PDB file of all heavy atoms in Angstrom:
ATOM      1  N   CYS A   1      86.188  67.797  93.704  1.00  0.00           N
ATOM      2  CA  CYS A   1      85.376  68.996  93.922  1.00  0.00           C
ATOM      3  C   CYS A   1      84.253  68.807  94.930  1.00  0.00           C
ATOM      4  O   CYS A   1      83.523  69.757  95.211  1.00  0.00           O
ATOM      5  CB  CYS A   1      84.797  69.472  92.590  1.00  0.00           C
ATOM      6  SG  CYS A   1      86.062  69.962  91.401  1.00  0.00           S
ATOM      7  N   LYS A   2      84.090  67.607  95.448  1.00  0.00           N
ATOM      8  CA  LYS A   2      83.090  67.396  96.494  1.00  0.00           C
ATOM      9  C   LYS A   2      83.736  67.720  97.828  1.00  0.00           C
ATOM     10  O   LYS A   2      84.735  67.114  98.210  1.00  0.00           O
ATOM     11  CB  LYS A   2      82.590  65.955  96.477  1.00  0.00           C
ATOM     12  CG  LYS A   2      81.388  65.732  97.378  1.00  0.00           C
ATOM     13  CD  LYS A   2      80.776  64.363  97.153  1.00  0.00           C
ATOM     14  CE  LYS A   2      79.523  64.201  98.003  1.00  0.00           C
ATOM     15  NZ  LYS A   2      78.852  62.903  97.771  1.00  0.00           N
ATOM     16  N   ALA A   3      83.171  68.698  98.541  1.00  0.00           N
ATOM     17  CA  ALA A   3      83.763  69.145  99.802  1.00  0.00           C
ATOM     18  C   ALA A   3      83.738  68.018 100.829  1.00  0.00           C
ATOM     19  O   ALA A   3      82.676  67.546 101.213  1.00  0.00           O
ATOM     20  CB  ALA A   3      83.000  70.364 100.333  1.00  0.00           C
ATOM     21  N   ASP A   4      84.915  67.554 101.226  1.00  0.00           N
ATOM     22  CA  ASP A   4      84.998  66.489 102.215  1.00  0.00           C
ATOM     23  C   ASP A   4      86.054  66.799 103.278  1.00  0.00           C
ATOM     24  O   ASP A   4      86.578  65.915 103.928  1.00  0.00           O
ATOM     25  CB  ASP A   4      85.309  65.149 101.551  1.00  0.00           C
ATOM     26  CG  ASP A   4      86.564  65.195 100.703  1.00  0.00           C
ATOM     27  OD1 ASP A   4      87.208  66.262 100.662  1.00  0.00           O
ATOM     28  OD2 ASP A   4      86.912  64.171 100.084  1.00  0.00           O
ATOM     29  N   SER A   5      86.394  68.080 103.423  1.00  0.00           N
ATOM     30  CA  SER A   5      87.364  68.488 104.449  1.00  0.00           C
ATOM     31  C   SER A   5      86.966  69.843 104.995  1.00  0.00           C
ATOM     32  O   SER A   5      86.077  70.514 104.464  1.00  0.00           O
ATOM     33  CB  SER A   5      88.777  68.546 103.850  1.00  0.00           C
ATOM     34  OG  SER A   5      88.864  69.588 102.895  1.00  0.00           O
ATOM     35  N   GLU A   6      87.628  70.236 106.080  1.00  0.00           N
ATOM     36  CA  GLU A   6      87.322  71.528 106.699  1.00  0.00           C
ATOM     37  C   GLU A   6      87.762  72.687 105.809  1.00  0.00           C
ATOM     38  O   GLU A   6      87.195  73.771 105.860  1.00  0.00           O
ATOM     39  CB  GLU A   6      88.012  71.626 108.057  1.00  0.00           C
ATOM     40  CG  GLU A   6      87.494  70.619 109.083  1.00  0.00           C
ATOM     41  CD  GLU A   6      88.173  70.768 110.426  1.00  0.00           C
ATOM     42  OE1 GLU A   6      89.066  71.634 110.544  1.00  0.00           O
ATOM     43  OE2 GLU A   6      87.820  70.009 111.342  1.00  0.00           O
ATOM     44  N   GLU A   7      88.759  72.459 104.986  1.00  0.00           N
ATOM     45  CA  GLU A   7      89.261  73.519 104.112  1.00  0.00           C
ATOM     46  C   GLU A   7      88.287  73.726 102.956  1.00  0.00           C
ATOM     47  O   GLU A   7      87.826  72.782 102.332  1.00  0.00           O
ATOM     48  CB  GLU A   7      90.630  73.130 103.570  1.00  0.00           C
ATOM     49  CG  GLU A   7      91.301  74.226 102.774  1.00  0.00           C
ATOM     50  CD  GLU A   7      92.660  73.791 102.274  1.00  0.00           C
ATOM     51  OE1 GLU A   7      92.825  72.597 101.988  1.00  0.00           O
ATOM     52  OE2 GLU A   7      93.546  74.645 102.193  1.00  0.00           O
ATOM     53  N   SER A   8      87.962  74.970 102.674  1.00  0.00           N
ATOM     54  CA  SER A   8      86.989  75.257 101.629  1.00  0.00           C
ATOM     55  C   SER A   8      87.559  74.916 100.261  1.00  0.00           C
ATOM     56  O   SER A   8      88.774  74.959 100.038  1.00  0.00           O
ATOM     57  CB  SER A   8      86.593  76.738 101.665  1.00  0.00           C
ATOM     58  OG  SER A   8      87.668  77.550 101.209  1.00  0.00           O
ATOM     59  N   LEU A   9      86.661  74.604  99.338  1.00  0.00           N
ATOM     60  CA  LEU A   9      87.087  74.302  97.977  1.00  0.00           C
ATOM     61  C   LEU A   9      87.697  75.526  97.308  1.00  0.00           C
ATOM     62  O   LEU A   9      88.576  75.401  96.455  1.00  0.00           O
ATOM     63  CB  LEU A   9      85.895  73.775  97.161  1.00  0.00           C
ATOM     64  CG  LEU A   9      85.527  72.322  97.418  1.00  0.00           C
ATOM     65  CD1 LEU A   9      84.161  71.998  96.821  1.00  0.00           C
ATOM     66  CD2 LEU A   9      86.585  71.390  96.822  1.00  0.00           C
ATOM     67  N   GLU A  10      87.243  76.697  97.690  1.00  0.00           N
ATOM     68  CA  GLU A  10      87.827  77.915  97.132  1.00  0.00           C
ATOM     69  C   GLU A  10      89.304  78.021  97.497  1.00  0.00           C
ATOM     70  O   GLU A  10      90.144  78.334  96.651  1.00  0.00           O
ATOM     71  CB  GLU A  10      87.075  79.148  97.635  1.00  0.00           C
ATOM     72  CG  GLU A  10      87.583  80.443  97.013  1.00  0.00           C
ATOM     73  CD  GLU A  10      86.859  81.673  97.510  1.00  0.00           C
ATOM     74  OE1 GLU A  10      86.049  81.536  98.452  1.00  0.00           O
ATOM     75  OE2 GLU A  10      87.103  82.766  96.981  1.00  0.00           O
ATOM     76  N   GLU A  11      89.641  77.729  98.761  1.00  0.00           N
ATOM     77  CA  GLU A  11      91.041  77.765  99.177  1.00  0.00           C
ATOM     78  C   GLU A  11      91.841  76.644  98.533  1.00  0.00           C
ATOM     79  O   GLU A  11      92.996  76.828  98.160  1.00  0.00           O
ATOM     80  CB  GLU A  11      91.136  77.678 100.695  1.00  0.00           C
ATOM     81  CG  GLU A  11      90.717  78.937 101.410  1.00  0.00           C
ATOM     82  CD  GLU A  11      90.971  78.851 102.902  1.00  0.00           C
ATOM     83  OE1 GLU A  11      92.084  79.211 103.333  1.00  0.00           O
ATOM     84  OE2 GLU A  11      90.052  78.420 103.625  1.00  0.00           O
ATOM     85  N   GLN A  12      91.232  75.452  98.395  1.00  0.00           N
ATOM     86  CA  GLN A  12      91.941  74.347  97.754  1.00  0.00           C
ATOM     87  C   GLN A  12      92.269  74.664  96.306  1.00  0.00           C
ATOM     88  O   GLN A  12      93.317  74.284  95.799  1.00  0.00           O
ATOM     89  CB  GLN A  12      91.095  73.069  97.819  1.00  0.00           C
ATOM     90  CG  GLN A  12      90.926  72.503  99.213  1.00  0.00           C
ATOM     91  CD  GLN A  12      90.116  71.222  99.195  1.00  0.00           C
ATOM     92  OE1 GLN A  12      90.426  70.279  98.469  1.00  0.00           O
ATOM     93  NE2 GLN A  12      89.055  71.177  99.993  1.00  0.00           N
ATOM     94  N   LEU A  13      91.369  75.375  95.643  1.00  0.00           N
ATOM     95  CA  LEU A  13      91.567  75.681  94.222  1.00  0.00           C
ATOM     96  C   LEU A  13      92.429  76.925  94.011  1.00  0.00           C
ATOM     97  O   LEU A  13      93.362  76.906  93.199  1.00  0.00           O
ATOM     98  CB  LEU A  13      90.210  75.857  93.555  1.00  0.00           C
ATOM     99  CG  LEU A  13      90.194  76.123  92.040  1.00  0.00           C
ATOM    100  CD1 LEU A  13      90.911  75.009  91.278  1.00  0.00           C
ATOM    101  CD2 LEU A  13      88.764  76.269  91.542  1.00  0.00           C
ATOM    102  N   PHE A  14      92.137  78.003  94.739  1.00  0.00           N
ATOM    103  CA  PHE A  14      92.793  79.284  94.479  1.00  0.00           C
ATOM    104  C   PHE A  14      93.875  79.647  95.501  1.00  0.00           C
ATOM    105  O   PHE A  14      94.609  80.613  95.289  1.00  0.00           O
ATOM    106  CB  PHE A  14      91.747  80.405  94.439  1.00  0.00           C
ATOM    107  CG  PHE A  14      90.733  80.241  93.342  1.00  0.00           C
ATOM    108  CD1 PHE A  14      89.465  79.773  93.633  1.00  0.00           C
ATOM    109  CD2 PHE A  14      91.060  80.523  92.033  1.00  0.00           C
ATOM    110  CE1 PHE A  14      88.528  79.605  92.628  1.00  0.00           C
ATOM    111  CE2 PHE A  14      90.130  80.362  91.013  1.00  0.00           C
ATOM    112  CZ  PHE A  14      88.858  79.898  91.313  1.00  0.00           C
ATOM    113  N   GLY A  15      93.972  78.906  96.594  1.00  0.00           N
ATOM    114  CA  GLY A  15      94.950  79.239  97.607  1.00  0.00           C
ATOM    115  C   GLY A  15      94.484  80.385  98.489  1.00  0.00           C
ATOM    116  O   GLY A  15      93.404  80.945  98.293  1.00  0.00           O
ATOM    117  N   SER A  16      95.315  80.761  99.465  1.00  0.00           N
ATOM    118  CA  SER A  16      94.940  81.836 100.385  1.00  0.00           C
ATOM    119  C   SER A  16      96.178  82.605 100.809  1.00  0.00           C
ATOM    120  O   SER A  16      97.281  82.062 100.881  1.00  0.00           O
ATOM    121  CB  SER A  16      94.222  81.259 101.611  1.00  0.00           C
ATOM    122  OG  SER A  16      95.059  80.328 102.278  1.00  0.00           O
ATOM    123  N   GLU A  17      95.989  83.897 101.101  1.00  0.00           N
ATOM    124  CA  GLU A  17      97.074  84.739 101.587  1.00  0.00           C
ATOM    125  C   GLU A  17      97.305  84.489 103.076  1.00  0.00           C
ATOM    126  O   GLU A  17      96.426  83.979 103.775  1.00  0.00           O
ATOM    127  CB  GLU A  17      96.762  86.217 101.346  1.00  0.00           C
ATOM    128  CG  GLU A  17      96.845  86.641  99.885  1.00  0.00           C
ATOM    129  CD  GLU A  17      98.256  86.575  99.323  1.00  0.00           C
ATOM    130  OE1 GLU A  17      99.207  86.279 100.087  1.00  0.00           O
ATOM    131  OE2 GLU A  17      98.423  86.832  98.116  1.00  0.00           O
ATOM    132  N   ALA A  18      98.474  84.849 103.535  1.00  0.00           N
ATOM    133  CA  ALA A  18      98.849  84.602 104.923  1.00  0.00           C
ATOM    134  C   ALA A  18      98.060  85.504 105.873  1.00  0.00           C
ATOM    135  O   ALA A  18      97.647  86.610 105.522  1.00  0.00           O
ATOM    136  CB  ALA A  18     100.342  84.832 105.104  1.00  0.00           C
ATOM    137  N   THR A  19      97.840  84.982 107.069  1.00  0.00           N
ATOM    138  CA  THR A  19      97.289  85.783 108.160  1.00  0.00           C
ATOM    139  C   THR A  19      98.332  85.803 109.277  1.00  0.00           C
ATOM    140  O   THR A  19      99.443  85.305 109.104  1.00  0.00           O
ATOM    141  CB  THR A  19      95.971  85.190 108.675  1.00  0.00           C
ATOM    142  OG1 THR A  19      96.226  83.873 109.181  1.00  0.00           O
ATOM    143  CG2 THR A  19      94.933  85.116 107.564  1.00  0.00           C
ATOM    144  N   THR A  20      97.959  86.332 110.405  1.00  0.00           N
ATOM    145  CA  THR A  20      98.914  86.447 111.512  1.00  0.00           C
ATOM    146  C   THR A  20      99.467  85.087 111.925  1.00  0.00           C
ATOM    147  O   THR A  20     100.669  84.933 112.175  1.00  0.00           O
ATOM    148  CB  THR A  20      98.238  87.116 112.722  1.00  0.00           C
ATOM    149  OG1 THR A  20      97.690  88.358 112.317  1.00  0.00           O
ATOM    150  CG2 THR A  20      99.258  87.331 113.844  1.00  0.00           C
ATOM    151  N   ASN A  21      98.603  84.103 111.975  1.00  0.00           N
ATOM    152  CA  ASN A  21      99.012  82.790 112.472  1.00  0.00           C
ATOM    153  C   ASN A  21      99.107  81.720 111.388  1.00  0.00           C
ATOM    154  O   ASN A  21      99.553  80.608 111.664  1.00  0.00           O
ATOM    155  CB  ASN A  21      98.033  82.320 113.552  1.00  0.00           C
ATOM    156  CG  ASN A  21      97.976  83.259 114.740  1.00  0.00           C
ATOM    157  OD1 ASN A  21      99.006  83.754 115.188  1.00  0.00           O
ATOM    158  ND2 ASN A  21      96.769  83.520 115.226  1.00  0.00           N
ATOM    159  N   VAL A  22      98.661  82.027 110.171  1.00  0.00           N
ATOM    160  CA  VAL A  22      98.612  81.023 109.098  1.00  0.00           C
ATOM    161  C   VAL A  22      99.444  81.499 107.917  1.00  0.00           C
ATOM    162  O   VAL A  22      99.234  82.629 107.436  1.00  0.00           O
ATOM    163  CB  VAL A  22      97.157  80.760 108.656  1.00  0.00           C
ATOM    164  CG1 VAL A  22      97.123  79.699 107.560  1.00  0.00           C
ATOM    165  CG2 VAL A  22      96.299  80.341 109.837  1.00  0.00           C
ATOM    166  N   PRO A  23     100.396  80.709 107.438  1.00  0.00           N
ATOM    167  CA  PRO A  23     101.202  81.128 106.285  1.00  0.00           C
ATOM    168  C   PRO A  23     100.392  81.082 104.988  1.00  0.00           C
ATOM    169  O   PRO A  23      99.302  80.510 104.935  1.00  0.00           O
ATOM    170  CB  PRO A  23     102.333  80.093 106.256  1.00  0.00           C
ATOM    171  CG  PRO A  23     101.736  78.879 106.894  1.00  0.00           C
ATOM    172  CD  PRO A  23     100.804  79.381 107.943  1.00  0.00           C
ATOM    173  N   ARG A  24     100.939  81.695 103.960  1.00  0.00           N
ATOM    174  CA  ARG A  24     100.302  81.653 102.647  1.00  0.00           C
ATOM    175  C   ARG A  24     100.185  80.200 102.170  1.00  0.00           C
ATOM    176  O   ARG A  24     101.092  79.399 102.356  1.00  0.00           O
ATOM    177  CB  ARG A  24     101.103  82.451 101.630  1.00  0.00           C
ATOM    178  CG  ARG A  24     100.541  82.344 100.203  1.00  0.00           C
ATOM    179  CD  ARG A  24     101.473  82.904  99.171  1.00  0.00           C
ATOM    180  NE  ARG A  24     101.632  84.337  99.330  1.00  0.00           N
ATOM    181  CZ  ARG A  24     102.801  84.958  99.344  1.00  0.00           C
ATOM    182  NH1 ARG A  24     103.908  84.256  99.233  1.00  0.00           N
ATOM    183  NH2 ARG A  24     102.868  86.265  99.485  1.00  0.00           N
ATOM    184  N   LYS A  25      99.067  79.891 101.548  1.00  0.00           N
ATOM    185  CA  LYS A  25      98.861  78.547 101.006  1.00  0.00           C
ATOM    186  C   LYS A  25      98.665  78.636  99.502  1.00  0.00           C
ATOM    187  O   LYS A  25      97.894  79.463  99.008  1.00  0.00           O
ATOM    188  CB  LYS A  25      97.634  77.888 101.638  1.00  0.00           C
ATOM    189  CG  LYS A  25      97.374  76.483 101.104  1.00  0.00           C
ATOM    190  CD  LYS A  25      96.093  75.896 101.649  1.00  0.00           C
ATOM    191  CE  LYS A  25      95.876  74.492 101.100  1.00  0.00           C
ATOM    192  NZ  LYS A  25      95.784  74.451  99.630  1.00  0.00           N
ATOM    193  N   LEU A  26      99.388  77.791  98.778  1.00  0.00           N
ATOM    194  CA  LEU A  26      99.224  77.736  97.331  1.00  0.00           C
ATOM    195  C   LEU A  26      98.083  76.802  96.983  1.00  0.00           C
ATOM    196  O   LEU A  26      98.010  75.677  97.486  1.00  0.00           O
ATOM    197  CB  LEU A  26     100.517  77.247  96.668  1.00  0.00           C
ATOM    198  CG  LEU A  26     101.775  78.083  96.908  1.00  0.00           C
ATOM    199  CD1 LEU A  26     102.938  77.488  96.138  1.00  0.00           C
ATOM    200  CD2 LEU A  26     101.549  79.535  96.513  1.00  0.00           C
ATOM    201  N   GLY A  27      97.193  77.247  96.111  1.00  0.00           N
ATOM    202  CA  GLY A  27      96.079  76.424  95.673  1.00  0.00           C
ATOM    203  C   GLY A  27      96.472  75.511  94.516  1.00  0.00           C
ATOM    204  O   GLY A  27      97.594  75.568  93.997  1.00  0.00           O
ATOM    205  N   ALA A  28      95.531  74.662  94.109  1.00  0.00           N
ATOM    206  CA  ALA A  28      95.801  73.690  93.046  1.00  0.00           C
ATOM    207  C   ALA A  28      96.165  74.370  91.732  1.00  0.00           C
ATOM    208  O   ALA A  28      97.031  73.892  90.996  1.00  0.00           O
ATOM    209  CB  ALA A  28      94.580  72.791  92.852  1.00  0.00           C
ATOM    210  N   LEU A  29      95.530  75.493  91.423  1.00  0.00           N
ATOM    211  CA  LEU A  29      95.840  76.194  90.172  1.00  0.00           C
ATOM    212  C   LEU A  29      97.295  76.630  90.130  1.00  0.00           C
ATOM    213  O   LEU A  29      97.972  76.470  89.112  1.00  0.00           O
ATOM    214  CB  LEU A  29      94.932  77.408  90.005  1.00  0.00           C
ATOM    215  CG  LEU A  29      93.533  77.164  89.434  1.00  0.00           C
ATOM    216  CD1 LEU A  29      92.689  78.421  89.536  1.00  0.00           C
ATOM    217  CD2 LEU A  29      93.622  76.688  87.990  1.00  0.00           C
ATOM    218  N   GLU A  30      97.768  77.177  91.225  1.00  0.00           N
ATOM    219  CA  GLU A  30      99.144  77.672  91.268  1.00  0.00           C
ATOM    220  C   GLU A  30     100.141  76.517  91.260  1.00  0.00           C
ATOM    221  O   GLU A  30     101.198  76.588  90.619  1.00  0.00           O
ATOM    222  CB  GLU A  30      99.329  78.533  92.516  1.00  0.00           C
ATOM    223  CG  GLU A  30     100.416  79.566  92.382  1.00  0.00           C
ATOM    224  CD  GLU A  30     100.303  80.653  93.422  1.00  0.00           C
ATOM    225  OE1 GLU A  30      99.251  80.763  94.080  1.00  0.00           O
ATOM    226  OE2 GLU A  30     101.290  81.393  93.573  1.00  0.00           O
ATOM    227  N   GLN A  31      99.820  75.447  91.965  1.00  0.00           N
ATOM    228  CA  GLN A  31     100.712  74.289  92.001  1.00  0.00           C
ATOM    229  C   GLN A  31     100.796  73.613  90.635  1.00  0.00           C
ATOM    230  O   GLN A  31     101.792  72.969  90.316  1.00  0.00           O
ATOM    231  CB  GLN A  31     100.223  73.289  93.042  1.00  0.00           C
ATOM    232  CG  GLN A  31     100.305  73.792  94.469  1.00  0.00           C
ATOM    233  CD  GLN A  31      99.770  72.775  95.458  1.00  0.00           C
ATOM    234  OE1 GLN A  31     100.239  71.643  95.500  1.00  0.00           O
ATOM    235  NE2 GLN A  31      98.786  73.161  96.246  1.00  0.00           N
ATOM    236  N   ALA A  32      99.736  73.740  89.830  1.00  0.00           N
ATOM    237  CA  ALA A  32      99.703  73.083  88.517  1.00  0.00           C
ATOM    238  C   ALA A  32     100.264  73.961  87.409  1.00  0.00           C
ATOM    239  O   ALA A  32     100.173  73.599  86.227  1.00  0.00           O
ATOM    240  CB  ALA A  32      98.266  72.680  88.172  1.00  0.00           C
ATOM    241  N   HIS A  33     100.849  75.105  87.743  1.00  0.00           N
ATOM    242  CA  HIS A  33     101.393  76.013  86.726  1.00  0.00           C
ATOM    243  C   HIS A  33     102.365  75.279  85.804  1.00  0.00           C
ATOM    244  O   HIS A  33     103.277  74.579  86.254  1.00  0.00           O
ATOM    245  CB  HIS A  33     102.119  77.177  87.401  1.00  0.00           C
ATOM    246  CG  HIS A  33     102.813  78.089  86.452  1.00  0.00           C
ATOM    247  ND1 HIS A  33     102.149  78.836  85.511  1.00  0.00           N
ATOM    248  CD2 HIS A  33     104.143  78.357  86.279  1.00  0.00           C
ATOM    249  CE1 HIS A  33     103.024  79.528  84.807  1.00  0.00           C
ATOM    250  NE2 HIS A  33     104.230  79.262  85.254  1.00  0.00           N
ATOM    251  N   GLY A  34     102.148  75.427  84.495  1.00  0.00           N
ATOM    252  CA  GLY A  34     102.976  74.746  83.514  1.00  0.00           C
ATOM    253  C   GLY A  34     102.543  73.325  83.234  1.00  0.00           C
ATOM    254  O   GLY A  34     103.137  72.650  82.390  1.00  0.00           O
ATOM    255  N   GLY A  35     101.486  72.863  83.917  1.00  0.00           N
ATOM    256  CA  GLY A  35     101.020  71.488  83.728  1.00  0.00           C
ATOM    257  C   GLY A  35      99.517  71.437  83.536  1.00  0.00           C
ATOM    258  O   GLY A  35      98.929  72.282  82.860  1.00  0.00           O
ATOM    259  N   SER A  36      98.874  70.437  84.164  1.00  0.00           N
ATOM    260  CA  SER A  36      97.436  70.209  83.981  1.00  0.00           C
ATOM    261  C   SER A  36      96.770  70.055  85.341  1.00  0.00           C
ATOM    262  O   SER A  36      97.349  69.514  86.277  1.00  0.00           O
ATOM    263  CB  SER A  36      97.189  68.943  83.145  1.00  0.00           C
ATOM    264  OG  SER A  36      97.894  68.995  81.917  1.00  0.00           O
ATOM    265  N   LEU A  37      95.511  70.511  85.421  1.00  0.00           N
ATOM    266  CA  LEU A  37      94.700  70.353  86.625  1.00  0.00           C
ATOM    267  C   LEU A  37      93.430  69.610  86.254  1.00  0.00           C
ATOM    268  O   LEU A  37      92.706  70.007  85.337  1.00  0.00           O
ATOM    269  CB  LEU A  37      94.357  71.720  87.228  1.00  0.00           C
ATOM    270  CG  LEU A  37      93.403  71.704  88.430  1.00  0.00           C
ATOM    271  CD1 LEU A  37      94.002  70.917  89.588  1.00  0.00           C
ATOM    272  CD2 LEU A  37      93.056  73.122  88.863  1.00  0.00           C
ATOM    273  N   PHE A  38      93.155  68.525  86.981  1.00  0.00           N
ATOM    274  CA  PHE A  38      91.964  67.711  86.740  1.00  0.00           C
ATOM    275  C   PHE A  38      90.945  67.980  87.840  1.00  0.00           C
ATOM    276  O   PHE A  38      91.210  67.729  89.010  1.00  0.00           O
ATOM    277  CB  PHE A  38      92.341  66.230  86.715  1.00  0.00           C
ATOM    278  CG  PHE A  38      91.159  65.296  86.584  1.00  0.00           C
ATOM    279  CD1 PHE A  38      90.296  65.385  85.509  1.00  0.00           C
ATOM    280  CD2 PHE A  38      90.923  64.321  87.553  1.00  0.00           C
ATOM    281  CE1 PHE A  38      89.216  64.529  85.383  1.00  0.00           C
ATOM    282  CE2 PHE A  38      89.858  63.445  87.432  1.00  0.00           C
ATOM    283  CZ  PHE A  38      88.995  63.555  86.349  1.00  0.00           C
ATOM    284  N   LEU A  39      89.792  68.510  87.459  1.00  0.00           N
ATOM    285  CA  LEU A  39      88.709  68.782  88.397  1.00  0.00           C
ATOM    286  C   LEU A  39      87.741  67.608  88.354  1.00  0.00           C
ATOM    287  O   LEU A  39      86.947  67.469  87.413  1.00  0.00           O
ATOM    288  CB  LEU A  39      87.991  70.084  88.032  1.00  0.00           C
ATOM    289  CG  LEU A  39      88.832  71.360  88.038  1.00  0.00           C
ATOM    290  CD1 LEU A  39      88.001  72.549  87.590  1.00  0.00           C
ATOM    291  CD2 LEU A  39      89.428  71.610  89.414  1.00  0.00           C
ATOM    292  N   ASP A  40      87.808  66.743  89.350  1.00  0.00           N
ATOM    293  CA  ASP A  40      86.952  65.568  89.400  1.00  0.00           C
ATOM    294  C   ASP A  40      85.597  65.935  90.004  1.00  0.00           C
ATOM    295  O   ASP A  40      85.534  66.597  91.036  1.00  0.00           O
ATOM    296  CB  ASP A  40      87.628  64.478  90.242  1.00  0.00           C
ATOM    297  CG  ASP A  40      86.910  63.153  90.135  1.00  0.00           C
ATOM    298  OD1 ASP A  40      86.208  62.934  89.130  1.00  0.00           O
ATOM    299  OD2 ASP A  40      87.046  62.330  91.057  1.00  0.00           O
ATOM    300  N   GLU A  41      84.513  65.503  89.346  1.00  0.00           N
ATOM    301  CA  GLU A  41      83.146  65.841  89.747  1.00  0.00           C
ATOM    302  C   GLU A  41      82.969  67.354  89.869  1.00  0.00           C
ATOM    303  O   GLU A  41      82.601  67.898  90.913  1.00  0.00           O
ATOM    304  CB  GLU A  41      82.782  65.141  91.061  1.00  0.00           C
ATOM    305  CG  GLU A  41      82.744  63.637  90.946  1.00  0.00           C
ATOM    306  CD  GLU A  41      81.838  63.137  89.811  1.00  0.00           C
ATOM    307  OE1 GLU A  41      80.835  63.813  89.490  1.00  0.00           O
ATOM    308  OE2 GLU A  41      82.139  62.080  89.234  1.00  0.00           O
ATOM    309  N   VAL A  42      83.207  68.022  88.751  1.00  0.00           N
ATOM    310  CA  VAL A  42      83.205  69.483  88.723  1.00  0.00           C
ATOM    311  C   VAL A  42      81.836  70.062  89.063  1.00  0.00           C
ATOM    312  O   VAL A  42      81.735  71.194  89.551  1.00  0.00           O
ATOM    313  CB  VAL A  42      83.694  69.977  87.338  1.00  0.00           C
ATOM    314  CG1 VAL A  42      82.698  69.617  86.240  1.00  0.00           C
ATOM    315  CG2 VAL A  42      83.979  71.467  87.352  1.00  0.00           C
ATOM    316  N   THR A  43      80.755  69.301  88.845  1.00  0.00           N
ATOM    317  CA  THR A  43      79.414  69.815  89.143  1.00  0.00           C
ATOM    318  C   THR A  43      79.186  69.981  90.642  1.00  0.00           C
ATOM    319  O   THR A  43      78.189  70.591  91.048  1.00  0.00           O
ATOM    320  CB  THR A  43      78.332  68.888  88.568  1.00  0.00           C
ATOM    321  OG1 THR A  43      78.566  67.544  89.015  1.00  0.00           O
ATOM    322  CG2 THR A  43      78.342  68.914  87.048  1.00  0.00           C
TER     323      THR A  43
END
């Protein structure tokens, strides 16, 4: 959860819809469907 990349934590967690030049991206929540998601350093 510590921001260390250009991609926002919101997009990493929740994903993003497609734009003209960028395809839809699945976030960690969606990828973890049916399993578990570990949020390290959630604060």
